[in-house]
């Protein structure tokens, strides 16, 4: 006989949030599963990072020189949460086919497309990410999605469009090839050592800016991607 879920209904969000925070992660939103997700009935919970807290936890506990160390740490940490809460873990780096984390995020919380190619949050800016998700089969948890507007709509100066050294960012598109080519170069490249210059220019979420070593880690893996 299958065991009863450890947490259900209104008890789940608070208990899961505490457990995630204890390992440097954040609950990023809840959304009911839909037929298009092909995961059955239940609730999907996004797990991610905001600002530098995850990086501190990762640096304390994970080998730094293993292949894909942050992905490995994310898998191990979120799988442990899944086991503790009797959920199924999913990860954005498993694929192809890739799980639709961007689509789930827009259903679960108030995030919006930005010229930077990343989803922007009205409080965190682009200094956040999704590291995994937990699927709770046949458990329905309703947590209202916050209602606000994209901060890009009220940004008059749009500094992200003016500061990219290779003009890879416009209001119409993000030129990934030009961006990656610049990051791979070694000519006066503060984007490598400090993180994307256009991202740093965005005024939203500056209290959550990544440390230089975290930003450099992400840019290094971005440059190595094919």
N, C-alpha and C. Protein backbone atom coordinates (compact mmCIF):
# COMPACT_ATOMS: atom_id res chain seq x y z
N UNK A 1 0.85 -1.20 0.00
CA UNK A 1 0.00 0.00 0.00
C UNK A 1 0.88 1.25 0.00
N UNK A 2 0.54 2.25 -0.84
CA UNK A 2 1.31 3.49 -0.87
C UNK A 2 1.07 4.28 0.40
N UNK A 3 2.14 4.94 0.86
CA UNK A 3 2.02 5.77 2.06
C UNK A 3 1.28 7.05 1.75
N UNK A 4 0.67 7.62 2.76
CA UNK A 4 -0.02 8.89 2.58
C UNK A 4 1.01 10.01 2.40
N UNK A 5 0.70 11.06 1.61
CA UNK A 5 1.63 12.18 1.46
C UNK A 5 1.98 12.79 2.81
N UNK A 6 3.27 13.17 2.93
CA UNK A 6 3.73 13.73 4.20
C UNK A 6 3.06 15.06 4.49
N UNK A 7 2.85 15.86 3.44
CA UNK A 7 2.18 17.15 3.59
C UNK A 7 1.15 17.28 2.49
N UNK A 8 0.07 17.94 2.78
CA UNK A 8 -0.95 18.14 1.76
C UNK A 8 -1.65 19.45 2.02
N UNK A 9 -2.29 19.96 0.96
CA UNK A 9 -3.10 21.16 1.11
C UNK A 9 -2.33 22.33 1.66
N UNK A 10 -2.94 23.01 2.62
CA UNK A 10 -2.38 24.27 3.12
C UNK A 10 -1.09 24.09 3.89
N UNK A 11 -0.76 22.88 4.34
CA UNK A 11 0.46 22.66 5.11
C UNK A 11 1.69 22.61 4.22
N UNK A 12 1.51 22.33 2.93
CA UNK A 12 2.65 22.11 2.06
C UNK A 12 3.50 23.35 1.81
N UNK A 13 2.94 24.50 1.43
CA UNK A 13 3.80 25.64 1.07
C UNK A 13 4.76 26.05 2.17
N UNK A 14 4.30 26.19 3.41
CA UNK A 14 5.17 26.66 4.49
C UNK A 14 6.25 25.64 4.80
N UNK A 15 5.90 24.37 4.85
CA UNK A 15 6.89 23.34 5.16
C UNK A 15 7.94 23.24 4.05
N UNK A 16 7.51 23.30 2.81
CA UNK A 16 8.44 23.20 1.69
C UNK A 16 9.32 24.43 1.60
N UNK A 17 8.75 25.60 1.86
CA UNK A 17 9.55 26.83 1.82
C UNK A 17 10.66 26.79 2.86
N UNK A 18 10.35 26.33 4.07
CA UNK A 18 11.37 26.23 5.11
C UNK A 18 12.48 25.27 4.70
N UNK A 19 12.11 24.12 4.15
CA UNK A 19 13.10 23.13 3.74
C UNK A 19 13.97 23.65 2.60
N UNK A 20 13.38 24.37 1.65
CA UNK A 20 14.15 24.92 0.54
C UNK A 20 15.10 26.02 1.03
N UNK A 21 14.61 26.90 1.88
CA UNK A 21 15.44 27.98 2.40
C UNK A 21 16.64 27.44 3.17
N UNK A 22 16.46 26.33 3.85
CA UNK A 22 17.54 25.74 4.64
C UNK A 22 18.72 25.30 3.78
N UNK A 23 18.48 25.07 2.48
CA UNK A 23 19.57 24.65 1.59
C UNK A 23 19.90 25.74 0.57
N UNK A 24 19.49 26.99 0.83
CA UNK A 24 19.85 28.11 -0.02
C UNK A 24 18.96 28.33 -1.21
N UNK A 25 17.81 27.65 -1.27
CA UNK A 25 16.92 27.77 -2.40
C UNK A 25 15.62 28.47 -2.00
N UNK A 26 14.80 28.81 -3.00
CA UNK A 26 13.54 29.52 -2.78
C UNK A 26 12.41 28.82 -3.53
N UNK A 27 11.22 28.85 -2.93
CA UNK A 27 10.04 28.48 -3.69
C UNK A 27 9.74 29.62 -4.65
N UNK A 28 9.55 29.29 -5.93
CA UNK A 28 9.35 30.32 -6.93
C UNK A 28 7.93 30.37 -7.46
N UNK A 29 7.08 29.46 -7.01
CA UNK A 29 5.69 29.53 -7.44
C UNK A 29 5.05 28.16 -7.56
N UNK A 30 3.72 28.16 -7.48
CA UNK A 30 2.90 26.95 -7.59
C UNK A 30 2.00 27.10 -8.81
N UNK A 31 1.79 26.02 -9.53
CA UNK A 31 0.78 26.07 -10.59
C UNK A 31 0.14 24.70 -10.76
N UNK A 32 -1.19 24.69 -10.99
CA UNK A 32 -1.87 23.41 -11.25
C UNK A 32 -1.35 22.80 -12.55
N UNK A 33 -1.18 21.50 -12.56
CA UNK A 33 -0.80 20.82 -13.79
C UNK A 33 -1.94 20.88 -14.80
N UNK A 34 -1.57 21.05 -16.07
CA UNK A 34 -2.55 21.09 -17.15
C UNK A 34 -2.30 19.94 -18.12
N UNK A 35 -3.27 19.68 -18.95
CA UNK A 35 -3.15 18.55 -19.87
C UNK A 35 -1.91 18.68 -20.75
N UNK A 36 -1.55 19.92 -21.16
CA UNK A 36 -0.41 20.12 -22.03
C UNK A 36 0.91 19.77 -21.36
N UNK A 37 0.94 19.69 -20.02
CA UNK A 37 2.17 19.34 -19.32
C UNK A 37 2.47 17.85 -19.40
N UNK A 38 1.45 17.05 -19.64
CA UNK A 38 1.60 15.59 -19.76
C UNK A 38 2.25 14.99 -18.52
N UNK A 39 1.82 15.48 -17.38
CA UNK A 39 2.33 14.99 -16.10
C UNK A 39 1.24 14.48 -15.19
N UNK A 40 0.04 14.35 -15.70
CA UNK A 40 -1.07 13.92 -14.89
C UNK A 40 -1.70 15.08 -14.13
N UNK A 41 -2.45 14.74 -13.10
CA UNK A 41 -3.12 15.76 -12.28
C UNK A 41 -2.30 16.04 -11.04
N UNK A 42 -2.39 17.28 -10.58
CA UNK A 42 -1.68 17.65 -9.37
C UNK A 42 -1.14 19.06 -9.43
N UNK A 43 -0.05 19.31 -8.71
CA UNK A 43 0.53 20.64 -8.58
C UNK A 43 2.02 20.59 -8.87
N UNK A 44 2.49 21.58 -9.60
CA UNK A 44 3.92 21.73 -9.86
C UNK A 44 4.45 22.91 -9.06
N UNK A 45 5.57 22.70 -8.39
CA UNK A 45 6.20 23.74 -7.57
C UNK A 45 7.57 24.04 -8.15
N UNK A 46 7.80 25.29 -8.52
CA UNK A 46 9.10 25.69 -9.04
C UNK A 46 10.06 26.01 -7.89
N UNK A 47 11.29 25.53 -8.02
CA UNK A 47 12.34 25.75 -7.04
C UNK A 47 13.48 26.50 -7.73
N UNK A 48 14.00 27.53 -7.11
CA UNK A 48 15.07 28.27 -7.76
C UNK A 48 15.89 29.08 -6.79
N UNK A 49 16.59 30.03 -7.35
CA UNK A 49 17.43 30.90 -6.54
C UNK A 49 17.06 32.35 -6.77
N UNK A 50 17.31 33.14 -5.76
CA UNK A 50 17.12 34.60 -5.81
C UNK A 50 18.37 35.21 -5.18
N UNK A 51 19.04 36.08 -5.93
CA UNK A 51 20.24 36.70 -5.38
C UNK A 51 21.34 35.69 -5.09
N UNK A 52 22.19 35.97 -4.09
CA UNK A 52 23.39 35.16 -3.88
C UNK A 52 23.27 34.01 -2.89
N UNK A 53 22.10 33.79 -2.27
CA UNK A 53 22.02 32.79 -1.20
C UNK A 53 22.36 31.38 -1.70
N UNK A 54 21.84 30.99 -2.84
CA UNK A 54 22.13 29.66 -3.37
C UNK A 54 23.62 29.48 -3.60
N UNK A 55 24.26 30.52 -4.14
CA UNK A 55 25.68 30.42 -4.45
C UNK A 55 26.50 30.16 -3.19
N UNK A 56 26.14 30.81 -2.10
CA UNK A 56 26.86 30.59 -0.85
C UNK A 56 26.71 29.14 -0.39
N UNK A 57 25.49 28.61 -0.48
CA UNK A 57 25.25 27.23 -0.08
C UNK A 57 26.01 26.27 -1.01
N UNK A 58 25.99 26.55 -2.29
CA UNK A 58 26.70 25.71 -3.26
C UNK A 58 28.20 25.71 -2.98
N UNK A 59 28.77 26.87 -2.73
CA UNK A 59 30.21 26.96 -2.49
C UNK A 59 30.62 26.23 -1.21
N UNK A 60 29.73 26.17 -0.24
CA UNK A 60 30.06 25.49 1.01
C UNK A 60 30.05 23.97 0.87
N UNK A 61 29.25 23.45 -0.06
CA UNK A 61 28.98 22.01 -0.01
C UNK A 61 29.32 21.24 -1.27
N UNK A 62 29.61 21.91 -2.38
CA UNK A 62 29.77 21.17 -3.64
C UNK A 62 31.21 21.21 -4.14
N UNK A 63 31.70 20.11 -4.76
CA UNK A 63 33.00 20.16 -5.43
C UNK A 63 32.97 21.18 -6.56
N UNK A 64 34.00 22.00 -6.65
CA UNK A 64 33.98 23.10 -7.62
C UNK A 64 34.54 22.72 -8.98
N UNK A 65 35.19 21.57 -9.09
CA UNK A 65 35.87 21.25 -10.34
C UNK A 65 35.26 20.07 -11.07
N UNK A 66 34.14 19.55 -10.57
CA UNK A 66 33.46 18.46 -11.27
C UNK A 66 32.76 19.03 -12.51
N UNK A 67 32.49 18.18 -13.50
CA UNK A 67 31.71 18.67 -14.66
C UNK A 67 30.34 19.17 -14.22
N UNK A 68 29.94 20.33 -14.72
CA UNK A 68 28.64 20.92 -14.40
C UNK A 68 28.34 20.89 -12.89
N UNK A 69 29.21 21.48 -12.08
CA UNK A 69 29.06 21.34 -10.61
C UNK A 69 27.76 21.93 -10.08
N UNK A 70 27.28 23.05 -10.64
CA UNK A 70 26.05 23.65 -10.13
C UNK A 70 24.84 22.81 -10.49
N UNK A 71 24.83 22.26 -11.70
CA UNK A 71 23.72 21.38 -12.08
C UNK A 71 23.73 20.12 -11.21
N UNK A 72 24.92 19.57 -10.97
CA UNK A 72 25.01 18.38 -10.12
C UNK A 72 24.50 18.67 -8.71
N UNK A 73 24.90 19.82 -8.16
CA UNK A 73 24.45 20.20 -6.83
C UNK A 73 22.93 20.41 -6.81
N UNK A 74 22.41 21.05 -7.85
CA UNK A 74 20.96 21.29 -7.93
C UNK A 74 20.21 19.96 -7.97
N UNK A 75 20.70 19.03 -8.76
CA UNK A 75 20.03 17.74 -8.87
C UNK A 75 20.03 17.02 -7.51
N UNK A 76 21.18 16.99 -6.86
CA UNK A 76 21.28 16.30 -5.58
C UNK A 76 20.41 16.97 -4.52
N UNK A 77 20.44 18.30 -4.45
CA UNK A 77 19.73 19.02 -3.41
C UNK A 77 18.22 18.96 -3.61
N UNK A 78 17.77 19.16 -4.84
CA UNK A 78 16.33 19.17 -5.11
C UNK A 78 15.76 17.74 -5.08
N UNK A 79 16.55 16.76 -5.48
CA UNK A 79 16.09 15.37 -5.36
C UNK A 79 15.90 15.00 -3.89
N UNK A 80 16.78 15.50 -3.02
CA UNK A 80 16.60 15.25 -1.59
C UNK A 80 15.31 15.88 -1.08
N UNK A 81 14.98 17.09 -1.55
CA UNK A 81 13.70 17.70 -1.19
C UNK A 81 12.54 16.85 -1.70
N UNK A 82 12.65 16.39 -2.93
CA UNK A 82 11.59 15.57 -3.51
C UNK A 82 11.37 14.30 -2.69
N UNK A 83 12.45 13.66 -2.29
CA UNK A 83 12.33 12.44 -1.49
C UNK A 83 11.66 12.74 -0.15
N UNK A 84 12.03 13.86 0.46
CA UNK A 84 11.48 14.20 1.77
C UNK A 84 9.98 14.50 1.70
N UNK A 85 9.54 15.03 0.54
CA UNK A 85 8.13 15.44 0.41
C UNK A 85 7.35 14.54 -0.53
N UNK A 86 7.93 13.42 -0.92
CA UNK A 86 7.25 12.43 -1.76
C UNK A 86 6.76 13.06 -3.07
N UNK A 87 7.67 13.74 -3.73
CA UNK A 87 7.37 14.41 -5.00
C UNK A 87 8.31 13.89 -6.09
N UNK A 88 8.01 14.25 -7.32
CA UNK A 88 8.86 13.89 -8.45
C UNK A 88 9.69 15.11 -8.86
N UNK A 89 11.02 14.99 -8.90
CA UNK A 89 11.83 16.14 -9.31
C UNK A 89 12.00 16.23 -10.83
N UNK A 90 11.99 17.45 -11.34
CA UNK A 90 12.27 17.72 -12.75
C UNK A 90 13.31 18.83 -12.82
N UNK A 91 14.11 18.84 -13.92
CA UNK A 91 15.21 19.80 -14.00
C UNK A 91 15.26 20.44 -15.39
N UNK A 92 15.61 21.74 -15.45
CA UNK A 92 15.64 22.43 -16.74
C UNK A 92 16.81 21.99 -17.62
N UNK A 93 17.81 21.34 -17.04
CA UNK A 93 18.97 20.92 -17.82
C UNK A 93 18.87 19.47 -18.30
N UNK A 94 17.75 18.81 -18.04
CA UNK A 94 17.53 17.46 -18.55
C UNK A 94 16.84 17.54 -19.91
N UNK A 95 17.50 17.05 -20.94
CA UNK A 95 16.91 17.07 -22.26
C UNK A 95 17.97 16.90 -23.32
N UNK A 96 17.58 16.92 -24.59
CA UNK A 96 16.20 17.08 -25.07
C UNK A 96 15.38 15.80 -24.90
N UNK A 97 14.05 15.93 -24.89
CA UNK A 97 13.28 17.19 -24.90
C UNK A 97 13.40 17.91 -23.56
N UNK A 98 13.28 19.22 -23.61
CA UNK A 98 13.44 20.06 -22.43
C UNK A 98 12.08 20.35 -21.79
N UNK A 99 12.06 20.33 -20.48
CA UNK A 99 10.84 20.72 -19.78
C UNK A 99 10.59 22.22 -19.95
N UNK A 100 9.34 22.65 -20.07
CA UNK A 100 9.02 24.07 -20.38
C UNK A 100 9.04 24.96 -19.14
N UNK A 101 10.21 25.15 -18.55
CA UNK A 101 10.30 25.91 -17.31
C UNK A 101 9.88 27.37 -17.49
N UNK A 102 10.19 27.96 -18.62
CA UNK A 102 9.80 29.35 -18.84
C UNK A 102 8.27 29.49 -18.87
N UNK A 103 7.62 28.55 -19.52
CA UNK A 103 6.15 28.58 -19.57
C UNK A 103 5.56 28.36 -18.18
N UNK A 104 6.11 27.40 -17.46
CA UNK A 104 5.63 27.16 -16.10
C UNK A 104 5.82 28.39 -15.23
N UNK A 105 6.97 29.04 -15.37
CA UNK A 105 7.26 30.21 -14.54
C UNK A 105 6.23 31.31 -14.75
N UNK A 106 5.82 31.53 -15.98
CA UNK A 106 4.86 32.59 -16.25
C UNK A 106 3.47 32.23 -15.74
N UNK A 107 3.19 30.94 -15.59
CA UNK A 107 1.93 30.54 -14.97
C UNK A 107 2.00 30.64 -13.45
N UNK A 108 3.19 30.48 -12.89
CA UNK A 108 3.32 30.35 -11.43
C UNK A 108 3.58 31.66 -10.71
N UNK A 109 4.24 32.62 -11.36
CA UNK A 109 4.56 33.87 -10.68
C UNK A 109 4.63 35.01 -11.69
N UNK A 110 4.74 36.22 -11.18
CA UNK A 110 4.69 37.40 -12.04
C UNK A 110 6.07 37.69 -12.62
N UNK A 111 6.41 36.97 -13.67
CA UNK A 111 7.63 37.21 -14.42
C UNK A 111 7.26 37.45 -15.88
N UNK A 112 8.13 38.17 -16.58
CA UNK A 112 7.80 38.64 -17.92
C UNK A 112 9.04 38.58 -18.81
N UNK A 113 8.85 38.44 -20.13
CA UNK A 113 9.99 38.50 -21.04
C UNK A 113 10.69 39.86 -20.95
N UNK A 114 12.00 39.84 -21.16
CA UNK A 114 12.77 41.08 -21.14
C UNK A 114 13.70 41.11 -22.34
N UNK A 115 14.23 42.27 -22.71
CA UNK A 115 15.19 42.33 -23.81
C UNK A 115 16.44 41.51 -23.56
N UNK A 116 16.73 41.19 -22.28
CA UNK A 116 17.93 40.43 -21.95
C UNK A 116 17.81 38.95 -22.26
N UNK A 117 16.64 38.52 -22.68
CA UNK A 117 16.45 37.11 -22.98
C UNK A 117 16.04 36.28 -21.78
N UNK A 118 16.10 36.86 -20.58
CA UNK A 118 15.69 36.19 -19.36
C UNK A 118 14.37 36.78 -18.88
N UNK A 119 13.62 36.00 -18.11
CA UNK A 119 12.39 36.52 -17.52
C UNK A 119 12.74 37.51 -16.40
N UNK A 120 12.04 38.63 -16.38
CA UNK A 120 12.31 39.66 -15.38
C UNK A 120 11.19 39.66 -14.33
N UNK A 121 11.59 39.84 -13.10
CA UNK A 121 10.69 39.87 -11.94
C UNK A 121 10.65 41.31 -11.43
N UNK A 122 9.50 41.78 -10.98
CA UNK A 122 9.38 43.18 -10.57
C UNK A 122 10.23 43.50 -9.34
N UNK A 123 10.54 42.52 -8.54
CA UNK A 123 11.38 42.75 -7.36
C UNK A 123 12.82 42.31 -7.57
N UNK A 124 13.02 41.14 -8.15
CA UNK A 124 14.36 40.56 -8.28
C UNK A 124 15.06 40.94 -9.57
N UNK A 125 14.37 41.59 -10.49
CA UNK A 125 14.96 41.86 -11.79
C UNK A 125 15.25 40.55 -12.50
N UNK A 126 16.45 40.43 -13.05
CA UNK A 126 16.85 39.18 -13.70
C UNK A 126 17.82 38.38 -12.84
N UNK A 127 17.95 38.78 -11.57
CA UNK A 127 18.89 38.09 -10.67
C UNK A 127 18.20 36.93 -9.97
N UNK A 128 17.73 36.01 -10.76
CA UNK A 128 17.04 34.83 -10.25
C UNK A 128 17.12 33.75 -11.33
N UNK A 129 16.82 32.52 -10.95
CA UNK A 129 16.81 31.43 -11.91
C UNK A 129 15.99 30.28 -11.35
N UNK A 130 15.65 29.35 -12.22
CA UNK A 130 14.90 28.16 -11.83
C UNK A 130 15.84 26.96 -11.90
N UNK A 131 16.00 26.29 -10.76
CA UNK A 131 16.93 25.17 -10.68
C UNK A 131 16.24 23.81 -10.77
N UNK A 132 14.94 23.77 -10.59
CA UNK A 132 14.22 22.52 -10.68
C UNK A 132 12.75 22.72 -10.36
N UNK A 133 12.01 21.64 -10.35
CA UNK A 133 10.59 21.68 -10.00
C UNK A 133 10.23 20.38 -9.30
N UNK A 134 9.20 20.46 -8.48
CA UNK A 134 8.66 19.27 -7.81
C UNK A 134 7.22 19.07 -8.28
N UNK A 135 6.90 17.85 -8.66
CA UNK A 135 5.55 17.50 -9.08
C UNK A 135 4.88 16.70 -7.97
N UNK A 136 3.76 17.21 -7.50
CA UNK A 136 2.96 16.53 -6.49
C UNK A 136 1.72 15.97 -7.17
N UNK A 137 1.73 14.67 -7.41
CA UNK A 137 0.63 14.03 -8.10
C UNK A 137 -0.62 14.01 -7.22
N UNK A 138 -1.74 14.39 -7.83
CA UNK A 138 -3.05 14.31 -7.18
C UNK A 138 -3.14 15.11 -5.88
N UNK A 139 -2.26 16.12 -5.73
CA UNK A 139 -2.37 17.05 -4.60
C UNK A 139 -2.59 18.44 -5.20
N UNK A 140 -3.67 19.06 -4.84
CA UNK A 140 -4.00 20.38 -5.37
C UNK A 140 -3.72 21.44 -4.31
N UNK A 141 -2.79 22.34 -4.64
CA UNK A 141 -2.42 23.43 -3.74
C UNK A 141 -2.64 24.73 -4.49
N UNK A 142 -3.46 25.60 -3.97
CA UNK A 142 -3.70 26.88 -4.61
C UNK A 142 -2.92 27.97 -3.88
N UNK A 143 -1.99 28.60 -4.60
CA UNK A 143 -1.29 29.77 -4.11
C UNK A 143 -1.42 30.82 -5.20
N UNK A 144 -2.08 31.92 -4.90
CA UNK A 144 -2.39 32.92 -5.92
C UNK A 144 -1.14 33.49 -6.57
N UNK A 145 -1.15 33.60 -7.88
CA UNK A 145 -0.06 34.24 -8.61
C UNK A 145 -0.11 35.74 -8.35
N UNK A 146 1.01 36.35 -7.94
CA UNK A 146 1.01 37.80 -7.74
C UNK A 146 0.62 38.53 -9.02
N UNK A 147 -0.08 39.63 -8.86
CA UNK A 147 -0.52 40.42 -10.01
C UNK A 147 0.22 41.74 -10.05
N UNK A 148 1.05 41.92 -11.04
CA UNK A 148 1.68 43.22 -11.28
C UNK A 148 2.04 43.28 -12.76
N UNK A 149 2.67 44.35 -13.17
CA UNK A 149 3.05 44.53 -14.57
C UNK A 149 4.55 44.35 -14.74
N UNK A 150 4.96 44.09 -15.95
CA UNK A 150 6.38 43.98 -16.24
C UNK A 150 7.08 45.31 -15.93
N UNK A 151 8.19 45.28 -15.19
CA UNK A 151 8.91 46.53 -14.92
C UNK A 151 9.49 47.15 -16.19
N UNK A 152 9.63 46.38 -17.25
CA UNK A 152 10.14 46.94 -18.50
C UNK A 152 9.18 47.96 -19.10
N UNK A 153 7.88 47.83 -18.81
CA UNK A 153 6.89 48.75 -19.38
C UNK A 153 7.05 50.17 -18.86
N UNK A 154 7.51 50.30 -17.61
CA UNK A 154 7.65 51.63 -17.01
C UNK A 154 9.09 52.13 -16.99
N UNK A 155 9.98 51.41 -17.64
CA UNK A 155 11.40 51.80 -17.67
C UNK A 155 11.62 52.73 -18.86
N UNK A 156 11.78 54.01 -18.57
CA UNK A 156 11.90 55.01 -19.64
C UNK A 156 13.29 55.00 -20.28
N UNK A 157 14.34 54.84 -19.47
CA UNK A 157 15.70 54.98 -19.99
C UNK A 157 16.20 53.73 -20.71
N UNK A 158 15.71 52.56 -20.32
CA UNK A 158 16.09 51.28 -20.92
C UNK A 158 17.61 51.15 -21.09
N UNK A 159 18.36 51.22 -19.99
CA UNK A 159 19.82 51.15 -20.10
C UNK A 159 20.33 49.82 -20.64
N UNK A 160 19.54 48.75 -20.52
CA UNK A 160 19.99 47.46 -21.04
C UNK A 160 20.18 47.50 -22.55
N UNK A 161 19.46 48.40 -23.23
CA UNK A 161 19.57 48.49 -24.69
C UNK A 161 20.75 49.33 -25.13
N UNK A 162 21.37 50.04 -24.19
CA UNK A 162 22.41 51.01 -24.55
C UNK A 162 23.81 50.57 -24.15
N UNK A 163 23.92 49.54 -23.33
CA UNK A 163 25.22 49.25 -22.73
C UNK A 163 25.89 47.99 -23.27
N UNK A 164 25.19 47.17 -24.05
CA UNK A 164 25.82 45.95 -24.58
C UNK A 164 26.95 46.34 -25.53
N UNK A 165 28.16 45.84 -25.31
CA UNK A 165 29.30 46.26 -26.15
C UNK A 165 29.23 45.77 -27.59
N UNK A 166 28.37 44.78 -27.88
CA UNK A 166 28.26 44.30 -29.26
C UNK A 166 26.84 44.45 -29.80
N UNK A 167 26.03 45.29 -29.14
CA UNK A 167 24.66 45.57 -29.58
C UNK A 167 23.86 44.29 -29.82
N UNK A 168 24.04 43.32 -28.92
CA UNK A 168 23.32 42.05 -29.07
C UNK A 168 21.89 42.15 -28.57
N UNK A 169 21.54 43.24 -27.88
CA UNK A 169 20.23 43.35 -27.24
C UNK A 169 19.47 44.52 -27.84
N UNK A 170 18.31 44.25 -28.36
CA UNK A 170 17.42 45.30 -28.88
C UNK A 170 16.03 45.03 -28.32
N UNK A 171 15.10 45.95 -28.60
CA UNK A 171 13.73 45.74 -28.15
C UNK A 171 13.06 44.60 -28.91
N UNK A 172 13.59 44.23 -30.08
CA UNK A 172 12.95 43.22 -30.92
C UNK A 172 13.55 41.84 -30.76
N UNK A 173 14.84 41.74 -30.42
CA UNK A 173 15.46 40.42 -30.36
C UNK A 173 16.73 40.48 -29.52
N UNK A 174 17.16 39.28 -29.11
CA UNK A 174 18.42 39.09 -28.39
C UNK A 174 19.30 38.21 -29.27
N UNK A 175 20.43 38.74 -29.73
CA UNK A 175 21.33 38.02 -30.62
C UNK A 175 22.28 37.16 -29.80
N UNK A 176 21.88 35.91 -29.58
CA UNK A 176 22.66 35.01 -28.73
C UNK A 176 24.05 34.78 -29.31
N UNK A 177 24.15 34.65 -30.63
CA UNK A 177 25.44 34.39 -31.27
C UNK A 177 26.42 35.53 -31.05
N UNK A 178 25.96 36.77 -31.21
CA UNK A 178 26.84 37.91 -31.00
C UNK A 178 27.27 38.00 -29.54
N UNK A 179 26.33 37.74 -28.64
CA UNK A 179 26.64 37.78 -27.21
C UNK A 179 27.68 36.71 -26.86
N UNK A 180 27.46 35.48 -27.31
CA UNK A 180 28.39 34.41 -26.98
C UNK A 180 29.76 34.65 -27.61
N UNK A 181 29.78 35.18 -28.83
CA UNK A 181 31.05 35.49 -29.47
C UNK A 181 31.85 36.50 -28.67
N UNK A 182 31.17 37.51 -28.13
CA UNK A 182 31.85 38.51 -27.31
C UNK A 182 32.37 37.90 -26.02
N UNK A 183 31.56 37.08 -25.37
CA UNK A 183 31.98 36.46 -24.11
C UNK A 183 33.18 35.54 -24.32
N UNK A 184 33.24 34.91 -25.49
CA UNK A 184 34.36 34.02 -25.78
C UNK A 184 35.64 34.78 -26.13
N UNK A 185 35.53 36.04 -26.45
CA UNK A 185 36.72 36.83 -26.77
C UNK A 185 37.41 37.27 -25.49
N UNK A 186 38.62 37.72 -25.61
CA UNK A 186 39.38 38.13 -24.42
C UNK A 186 39.74 39.61 -24.46
N UNK A 187 39.03 40.40 -25.26
CA UNK A 187 39.38 41.81 -25.47
C UNK A 187 38.52 42.70 -24.58
N UNK A 188 39.13 43.30 -23.56
CA UNK A 188 38.44 44.25 -22.67
C UNK A 188 37.07 43.72 -22.24
N UNK A 189 37.05 42.50 -21.72
CA UNK A 189 35.77 41.83 -21.55
C UNK A 189 35.33 41.78 -20.09
N UNK A 190 34.71 42.84 -19.62
CA UNK A 190 34.19 42.84 -18.26
C UNK A 190 32.96 41.95 -18.14
N UNK A 191 32.31 41.62 -19.26
CA UNK A 191 31.16 40.72 -19.20
C UNK A 191 31.56 39.35 -18.67
N UNK A 192 32.78 38.93 -18.92
CA UNK A 192 33.24 37.63 -18.45
C UNK A 192 33.52 37.66 -16.96
N UNK A 193 34.24 38.66 -16.50
CA UNK A 193 34.66 38.69 -15.11
C UNK A 193 33.60 39.17 -14.13
N UNK A 194 32.66 40.00 -14.62
CA UNK A 194 31.68 40.60 -13.72
C UNK A 194 30.23 40.23 -14.05
N UNK A 195 30.01 39.58 -15.16
CA UNK A 195 28.66 39.28 -15.61
C UNK A 195 28.22 40.26 -16.68
N UNK A 196 27.16 39.91 -17.38
CA UNK A 196 26.65 40.69 -18.51
C UNK A 196 26.51 42.17 -18.16
N UNK A 197 27.14 43.03 -18.98
CA UNK A 197 27.12 44.47 -18.73
C UNK A 197 25.70 45.03 -18.83
N UNK A 198 24.92 44.55 -19.79
CA UNK A 198 23.55 45.03 -19.94
C UNK A 198 22.69 44.59 -18.76
N UNK A 199 22.90 43.39 -18.28
CA UNK A 199 22.15 42.91 -17.12
C UNK A 199 22.47 43.76 -15.89
N UNK A 200 23.73 44.11 -15.73
CA UNK A 200 24.13 44.94 -14.58
C UNK A 200 23.58 46.35 -14.70
N UNK A 201 23.29 46.80 -15.92
CA UNK A 201 22.76 48.15 -16.10
C UNK A 201 21.29 48.26 -15.74
N UNK A 202 20.57 47.15 -15.73
CA UNK A 202 19.14 47.18 -15.40
C UNK A 202 18.94 47.67 -13.97
N UNK A 203 18.07 48.65 -13.76
CA UNK A 203 17.88 49.19 -12.40
C UNK A 203 17.03 48.32 -11.49
N UNK A 204 16.39 47.28 -12.01
CA UNK A 204 15.46 46.47 -11.22
C UNK A 204 16.23 45.35 -10.52
N UNK A 205 16.00 45.22 -9.22
CA UNK A 205 16.56 44.10 -8.48
C UNK A 205 18.02 44.21 -8.10
N UNK A 206 18.55 45.42 -8.02
CA UNK A 206 19.98 45.55 -7.75
C UNK A 206 20.39 45.04 -6.37
N UNK A 207 19.45 44.97 -5.45
CA UNK A 207 19.77 44.41 -4.12
C UNK A 207 20.03 42.90 -4.20
N UNK A 208 19.70 42.29 -5.33
CA UNK A 208 19.85 40.84 -5.48
C UNK A 208 20.95 40.47 -6.48
N UNK A 209 21.79 41.43 -6.84
CA UNK A 209 22.85 41.19 -7.82
C UNK A 209 23.76 40.04 -7.39
N UNK A 210 24.13 39.20 -8.35
CA UNK A 210 25.04 38.10 -8.06
C UNK A 210 26.43 38.63 -7.75
N UNK A 211 27.18 37.89 -6.96
CA UNK A 211 28.59 38.21 -6.73
C UNK A 211 29.37 37.99 -8.02
N UNK A 212 30.56 38.58 -8.10
CA UNK A 212 31.34 38.47 -9.33
C UNK A 212 31.72 37.03 -9.63
N UNK A 213 32.02 36.22 -8.60
CA UNK A 213 32.40 34.83 -8.88
C UNK A 213 31.22 34.02 -9.37
N UNK A 214 30.02 34.31 -8.87
CA UNK A 214 28.84 33.61 -9.37
C UNK A 214 28.55 34.03 -10.81
N UNK A 215 28.61 35.34 -11.08
CA UNK A 215 28.36 35.82 -12.44
C UNK A 215 29.37 35.24 -13.42
N UNK A 216 30.65 35.19 -13.00
CA UNK A 216 31.69 34.64 -13.87
C UNK A 216 31.46 33.16 -14.15
N UNK A 217 30.98 32.43 -13.15
CA UNK A 217 30.68 31.01 -13.35
C UNK A 217 29.61 30.84 -14.42
N UNK A 218 28.52 31.58 -14.32
CA UNK A 218 27.43 31.45 -15.30
C UNK A 218 27.91 31.85 -16.70
N UNK A 219 28.69 32.91 -16.79
CA UNK A 219 29.16 33.35 -18.10
C UNK A 219 30.13 32.34 -18.71
N UNK A 220 30.93 31.69 -17.89
CA UNK A 220 31.86 30.69 -18.40
C UNK A 220 31.10 29.52 -19.02
N UNK A 221 30.04 29.07 -18.35
CA UNK A 221 29.27 27.96 -18.90
C UNK A 221 28.45 28.39 -20.10
N UNK A 222 27.99 29.64 -20.11
CA UNK A 222 27.30 30.18 -21.29
C UNK A 222 28.24 30.20 -22.50
N UNK A 223 29.49 30.62 -22.28
CA UNK A 223 30.45 30.68 -23.37
C UNK A 223 30.78 29.30 -23.92
N UNK A 224 30.79 28.29 -23.05
CA UNK A 224 31.15 26.94 -23.46
C UNK A 224 29.99 26.20 -24.14
N UNK A 225 28.77 26.72 -24.02
CA UNK A 225 27.62 26.04 -24.61
C UNK A 225 27.70 26.09 -26.12
N UNK A 226 27.10 25.09 -26.75
CA UNK A 226 27.12 25.06 -28.22
C UNK A 226 25.76 25.44 -28.78
